[in-house]
Structure formats: structure tokens, C-alpha cells
PDB file of N, CA and C in Angstrom:
ATOM      1  N   UNK A   1      -5.475  13.114  12.254  1.00  0.00           N
ATOM      2  CA  UNK A   1      -4.993  11.692  12.451  1.00  0.00           C
ATOM      3  C   UNK A   1      -4.941  11.867  14.156  1.00  0.00           C
ATOM      4  N   UNK A   2      -5.199  10.662  14.458  1.00  0.00           N
ATOM      5  CA  UNK A   2      -5.174  10.693  15.948  1.00  0.00           C
ATOM      6  C   UNK A   2      -3.714  10.389  16.401  1.00  0.00           C
ATOM      7  N   UNK A   3      -3.604  10.434  17.773  1.00  0.00           N
ATOM      8  CA  UNK A   3      -2.354  10.567  18.450  1.00  0.00           C
ATOM      9  C   UNK A   3      -1.562   8.970  18.196  1.00  0.00           C
ATOM     10  N   UNK A   4      -2.240   8.081  18.363  1.00  0.00           N
ATOM     11  CA  UNK A   4      -1.850   6.822  18.079  1.00  0.00           C
ATOM     12  C   UNK A   4      -1.374   6.516  16.722  1.00  0.00           C
ATOM     13  N   UNK A   5      -2.033   6.857  15.681  1.00  0.00           N
ATOM     14  CA  UNK A   5      -1.712   6.911  14.283  1.00  0.00           C
ATOM     15  C   UNK A   5      -0.336   7.879  14.130  1.00  0.00           C
ATOM     16  N   UNK A   6      -0.603   8.851  14.731  1.00  0.00           N
ATOM     17  CA  UNK A   6       0.750   9.943  14.546  1.00  0.00           C
ATOM     18  C   UNK A   6       1.922   9.362  14.964  1.00  0.00           C
ATOM     19  N   UNK A   7       1.846   8.374  15.910  1.00  0.00           N
ATOM     20  CA  UNK A   7       3.351   7.643  16.462  1.00  0.00           C
ATOM     21  C   UNK A   7       3.312   6.447  15.653  1.00  0.00           C
ATOM     22  N   UNK A   8       2.711   5.895  14.772  1.00  0.00           N
ATOM     23  CA  UNK A   8       2.932   4.680  14.337  1.00  0.00           C
ATOM     24  C   UNK A   8       4.031   4.547  13.119  1.00  0.00           C
ATOM     25  N   UNK A   9       4.474   3.579  12.944  1.00  0.00           N
ATOM     26  CA  UNK A   9       5.601   3.536  11.949  1.00  0.00           C
ATOM     27  C   UNK A   9       5.265   3.928  10.550  1.00  0.00           C
ATOM     28  N   UNK A  10       5.871   4.179   9.687  1.00  0.00           N
ATOM     29  CA  UNK A  10       5.651   4.851   8.079  1.00  0.00           C
ATOM     30  C   UNK A  10       4.903   3.909   7.641  1.00  0.00           C
ATOM     31  N   UNK A  11       5.155   2.675   7.767  1.00  0.00           N
ATOM     32  CA  UNK A  11       4.337   1.557   6.919  1.00  0.00           C
ATOM     33  C   UNK A  11       2.961   1.468   7.294  1.00  0.00           C
ATOM     34  N   UNK A  12       2.601   1.587   8.596  1.00  0.00           N
ATOM     35  CA  UNK A  12       1.153   1.815   9.053  1.00  0.00           C
ATOM     36  C   UNK A  12       0.678   2.869   8.776  1.00  0.00           C
ATOM     37  N   UNK A  13       1.167   4.063   8.666  1.00  0.00           N
ATOM     38  CA  UNK A  13       0.617   5.209   8.094  1.00  0.00           C
ATOM     39  C   UNK A  13       0.047   5.053   6.796  1.00  0.00           C
ATOM     40  N   UNK A  14       1.153   4.548   5.717  1.00  0.00           N
ATOM     41  CA  UNK A  14       0.826   4.277   4.372  1.00  0.00           C
ATOM     42  C   UNK A  14      -0.252   3.487   4.206  1.00  0.00           C
ATOM     43  N   UNK A  15      -0.229   2.456   4.951  1.00  0.00           N
ATOM     44  CA  UNK A  15      -1.416   1.410   4.843  1.00  0.00           C
ATOM     45  C   UNK A  15      -2.817   1.984   5.001  1.00  0.00           C
ATOM     46  N   UNK A  16      -2.799   2.958   6.264  1.00  0.00           N
ATOM     47  CA  UNK A  16      -4.054   3.251   6.572  1.00  0.00           C
ATOM     48  C   UNK A  16      -4.475   4.271   5.477  1.00  0.00           C
ATOM     49  N   UNK A  17      -3.431   5.296   4.833  1.00  0.00           N
ATOM     50  CA  UNK A  17      -3.793   6.308   3.914  1.00  0.00           C
ATOM     51  C   UNK A  17      -4.351   5.324   2.545  1.00  0.00           C
ATOM     52  N   UNK A  18      -3.625   4.356   2.370  1.00  0.00           N
ATOM     53  CA  UNK A  18      -3.963   3.517   1.138  1.00  0.00           C
ATOM     54  C   UNK A  18      -5.281   2.932   1.528  1.00  0.00           C
ATOM     55  N   UNK A  19      -5.612   2.351   2.534  1.00  0.00           N
ATOM     56  CA  UNK A  19      -6.998   1.889   2.742  1.00  0.00           C
ATOM     57  C   UNK A  19      -8.281   2.952   2.392  1.00  0.00           C
ATOM     58  N   UNK A  20      -7.822   3.939   2.974  1.00  0.00           N
ATOM     59  CA  UNK A  20      -8.825   5.233   2.954  1.00  0.00           C
ATOM     60  C   UNK A  20      -8.968   5.674   1.481  1.00  0.00           C
ATOM     61  N   UNK A  21      -7.640   5.637   0.649  1.00  0.00           N
ATOM     62  CA  UNK A  21      -8.156   5.910  -0.623  1.00  0.00           C
ATOM     63  C   UNK A  21      -8.988   5.026  -1.316  1.00  0.00           C
ATOM     64  N   UNK A  22      -8.551   3.673  -1.114  1.00  0.00           N
ATOM     65  CA  UNK A  22      -9.075   2.460  -2.008  1.00  0.00           C
ATOM     66  C   UNK A  22     -10.654   2.660  -1.506  1.00  0.00           C
ATOM     67  N   UNK A  23     -11.034   2.912  -0.292  1.00  0.00           N
ATOM     68  CA  UNK A  23     -12.422   2.789   0.195  1.00  0.00           C
ATOM     69  C   UNK A  23     -13.228   3.801  -0.640  1.00  0.00           C
ATOM     70  N   UNK A  24     -12.522   4.918  -1.030  1.00  0.00           N
ATOM     71  CA  UNK A  24     -13.139   6.164  -1.621  1.00  0.00           C
ATOM     72  C   UNK A  24     -13.243   5.949  -3.073  1.00  0.00           C
ATOM     73  N   UNK A  25     -12.591   4.717  -3.565  1.00  0.00           N
ATOM     74  CA  UNK A  25     -12.687   4.586  -5.176  1.00  0.00           C
ATOM     75  C   UNK A  25     -14.064   3.848  -5.193  1.00  0.00           C
ATOM     76  N   UNK A  26     -14.281   4.044  -6.579  1.00  0.00           N
ATOM     77  CA  UNK A  26     -15.532   3.259  -7.104  1.00  0.00           C
ATOM     78  C   UNK A  26     -15.107   1.621  -7.695  1.00  0.00           C
ATOM     79  N   UNK A  27     -14.212   1.017  -6.810  1.00  0.00           N
ATOM     80  CA  UNK A  27     -14.015  -0.187  -7.316  1.00  0.00           C
ATOM     81  C   UNK A  27     -14.415  -1.279  -6.419  1.00  0.00           C
ATOM     82  N   UNK A  28     -14.471  -2.527  -7.113  1.00  0.00           N
ATOM     83  CA  UNK A  28     -14.901  -3.469  -6.218  1.00  0.00           C
ATOM     84  C   UNK A  28     -13.924  -4.152  -5.466  1.00  0.00           C
ATOM     85  N   UNK A  29     -13.997  -4.862  -4.389  1.00  0.00           N
ATOM     86  CA  UNK A  29     -12.855  -5.423  -3.736  1.00  0.00           C
ATOM     87  C   UNK A  29     -12.078  -6.402  -4.726  1.00  0.00           C
ATOM     88  N   UNK A  30     -12.692  -6.926  -5.635  1.00  0.00           N
ATOM     89  CA  UNK A  30     -11.880  -7.802  -6.437  1.00  0.00           C
ATOM     90  C   UNK A  30     -10.898  -7.000  -7.248  1.00  0.00           C
ATOM     91  N   UNK A  31     -11.347  -5.956  -7.841  1.00  0.00           N
ATOM     92  CA  UNK A  31     -10.602  -4.993  -8.493  1.00  0.00           C
ATOM     93  C   UNK A  31      -9.334  -4.344  -7.829  1.00  0.00           C
ATOM     94  N   UNK A  32      -9.733  -3.972  -6.695  1.00  0.00           N
ATOM     95  CA  UNK A  32      -8.474  -3.567  -5.790  1.00  0.00           C
ATOM     96  C   UNK A  32      -7.514  -4.451  -5.106  1.00  0.00           C
ATOM     97  N   UNK A  33      -7.929  -5.581  -5.065  1.00  0.00           N
ATOM     98  CA  UNK A  33      -6.929  -6.685  -4.771  1.00  0.00           C
ATOM     99  C   UNK A  33      -6.140  -7.218  -5.936  1.00  0.00           C
ATOM    100  N   UNK A  34      -6.650  -7.199  -7.070  1.00  0.00           N
ATOM    101  CA  UNK A  34      -6.137  -7.475  -8.299  1.00  0.00           C
ATOM    102  C   UNK A  34      -5.004  -6.361  -8.395  1.00  0.00           C
ATOM    103  N   UNK A  35      -5.407  -4.942  -8.056  1.00  0.00           N
ATOM    104  CA  UNK A  35      -4.265  -4.068  -8.358  1.00  0.00           C
ATOM    105  C   UNK A  35      -3.260  -4.292  -7.363  1.00  0.00           C
ATOM    106  N   UNK A  36      -3.722  -4.274  -6.149  1.00  0.00           N
ATOM    107  CA  UNK A  36      -2.641  -4.552  -5.047  1.00  0.00           C
ATOM    108  C   UNK A  36      -1.549  -5.728  -5.415  1.00  0.00           C
ATOM    109  N   UNK A  37      -1.877  -6.749  -6.121  1.00  0.00           N
ATOM    110  CA  UNK A  37      -1.083  -7.810  -6.221  1.00  0.00           C
ATOM    111  C   UNK A  37      -0.122  -7.366  -7.326  1.00  0.00           C
ATOM    112  N   UNK A  38      -0.584  -6.476  -8.339  1.00  0.00           N
ATOM    113  CA  UNK A  38       0.412  -5.926  -9.285  1.00  0.00           C
ATOM    114  C   UNK A  38       1.343  -4.935  -8.558  1.00  0.00           C
ATOM    115  N   UNK A  39       1.005  -4.175  -7.739  1.00  0.00           N
ATOM    116  CA  UNK A  39       1.674  -3.197  -6.982  1.00  0.00           C
ATOM    117  C   UNK A  39       2.612  -3.895  -6.057  1.00  0.00           C
ATOM    118  N   UNK A  40       2.139  -5.032  -5.464  1.00  0.00           N
ATOM    119  CA  UNK A  40       3.138  -5.848  -4.505  1.00  0.00           C
ATOM    120  C   UNK A  40       4.394  -6.277  -5.465  1.00  0.00           C
ATOM    121  N   UNK A  41       3.963  -6.911  -6.604  1.00  0.00           N
ATOM    122  CA  UNK A  41       4.990  -7.508  -7.581  1.00  0.00           C
ATOM    123  C   UNK A  41       5.918  -6.600  -8.051  1.00  0.00           C
ATOM    124  N   UNK A  42       5.422  -5.425  -8.357  1.00  0.00           N
ATOM    125  CA  UNK A  42       6.189  -4.458  -8.665  1.00  0.00           C
ATOM    126  C   UNK A  42       7.347  -3.927  -7.942  1.00  0.00           C
ATOM    127  N   UNK A  43       6.859  -3.561  -6.887  1.00  0.00           N
ATOM    128  CA  UNK A  43       7.702  -3.347  -5.699  1.00  0.00           C
ATOM    129  C   UNK A  43       8.534  -4.274  -5.239  1.00  0.00           C
ATOM    130  N   UNK A  44       8.234  -5.702  -5.273  1.00  0.00           N
ATOM    131  CA  UNK A  44       9.298  -6.830  -5.014  1.00  0.00           C
ATOM    132  C   UNK A  44      10.235  -6.785  -5.954  1.00  0.00           C
ATOM    133  N   UNK A  45       9.910  -6.528  -7.335  1.00  0.00           N
ATOM    134  CA  UNK A  45      10.943  -6.757  -8.681  1.00  0.00           C
ATOM    135  C   UNK A  45      11.767  -5.421  -8.334  1.00  0.00           C
ATOM    136  N   UNK A  46      11.260  -4.522  -7.949  1.00  0.00           N
ATOM    137  CA  UNK A  46      12.164  -3.196  -7.656  1.00  0.00           C
ATOM    138  C   UNK A  46      13.142  -3.351  -6.499  1.00  0.00           C
ATOM    139  N   UNK A  47      12.774  -4.099  -5.602  1.00  0.00           N
ATOM    140  CA  UNK A  47      13.554  -4.183  -4.527  1.00  0.00           C
ATOM    141  C   UNK A  47      14.783  -5.243  -4.580  1.00  0.00           C
ATOM    142  N   UNK A  48      14.496  -6.170  -5.414  1.00  0.00           N
ATOM    143  CA  UNK A  48      15.360  -7.003  -5.938  1.00  0.00           C
ATOM    144  C   UNK A  48      16.423  -6.648  -6.717  1.00  0.00           C
ATOM    145  N   UNK A  49      15.864  -5.693  -7.659  1.00  0.00           N
ATOM    146  CA  UNK A  49      16.794  -4.734  -8.553  1.00  0.00           C
ATOM    147  C   UNK A  49      17.732  -4.065  -7.789  1.00  0.00           C
ATOM    148  N   UNK A  50      17.433  -3.599  -6.798  1.00  0.00           N
ATOM    149  CA  UNK A  50      18.232  -2.455  -5.712  1.00  0.00           C
ATOM    150  C   UNK A  50      19.227  -3.350  -5.272  1.00  0.00           C
ATOM    151  N   UNK A  51      18.785  -4.503  -4.719  1.00  0.00           N
ATOM    152  CA  UNK A  51      19.865  -5.660  -3.986  1.00  0.00           C
ATOM    153  C   UNK A  51      20.838  -5.872  -5.058  1.00  0.00           C
ATOM    154  N   UNK A  52      20.421  -6.075  -6.380  1.00  0.00           N
ATOM    155  CA  UNK A  52      21.339  -6.639  -7.299  1.00  0.00           C
ATOM    156  C   UNK A  52      22.439  -5.543  -8.013  1.00  0.00           C
ATOM    157  N   UNK A  53      22.197  -4.222  -7.653  1.00  0.00           N
ATOM    158  CA  UNK A  53      23.052  -3.202  -8.079  1.00  0.00           C
ATOM    159  C   UNK A  53      24.330  -3.117  -7.353  1.00  0.00           C
TER     160      UNK A  53
END
């Protein structure tokens, strides 16, 4: 990991890790984007549940 990335916020580090993982997968861009939509919806729902607790 380069020095700039080491100093980056956690969400940027996570994004870089996810990009690297997804680029190594044997999936099309369409499949990756469809999966990311599901992940985004899941985390959005979980964050709403946390707020309502």
C-alpha cells in the first residue's frame, strides 16, 4: 500500500480493496454493478434499522 493510500480515510481504503477484489473476479461489469446495487440496498436498509432502534 502506498503512503497516500495508507493515510486515506477508511472508506477510500475499502473502496480500493473492493475494486481490486472485483477486478480479480471472473465477472462482467454488468454482474459486478448488479451485485453492488444489492450490497448498497442492504447496507442502506441496515443503516435505517440502526437509526430506528
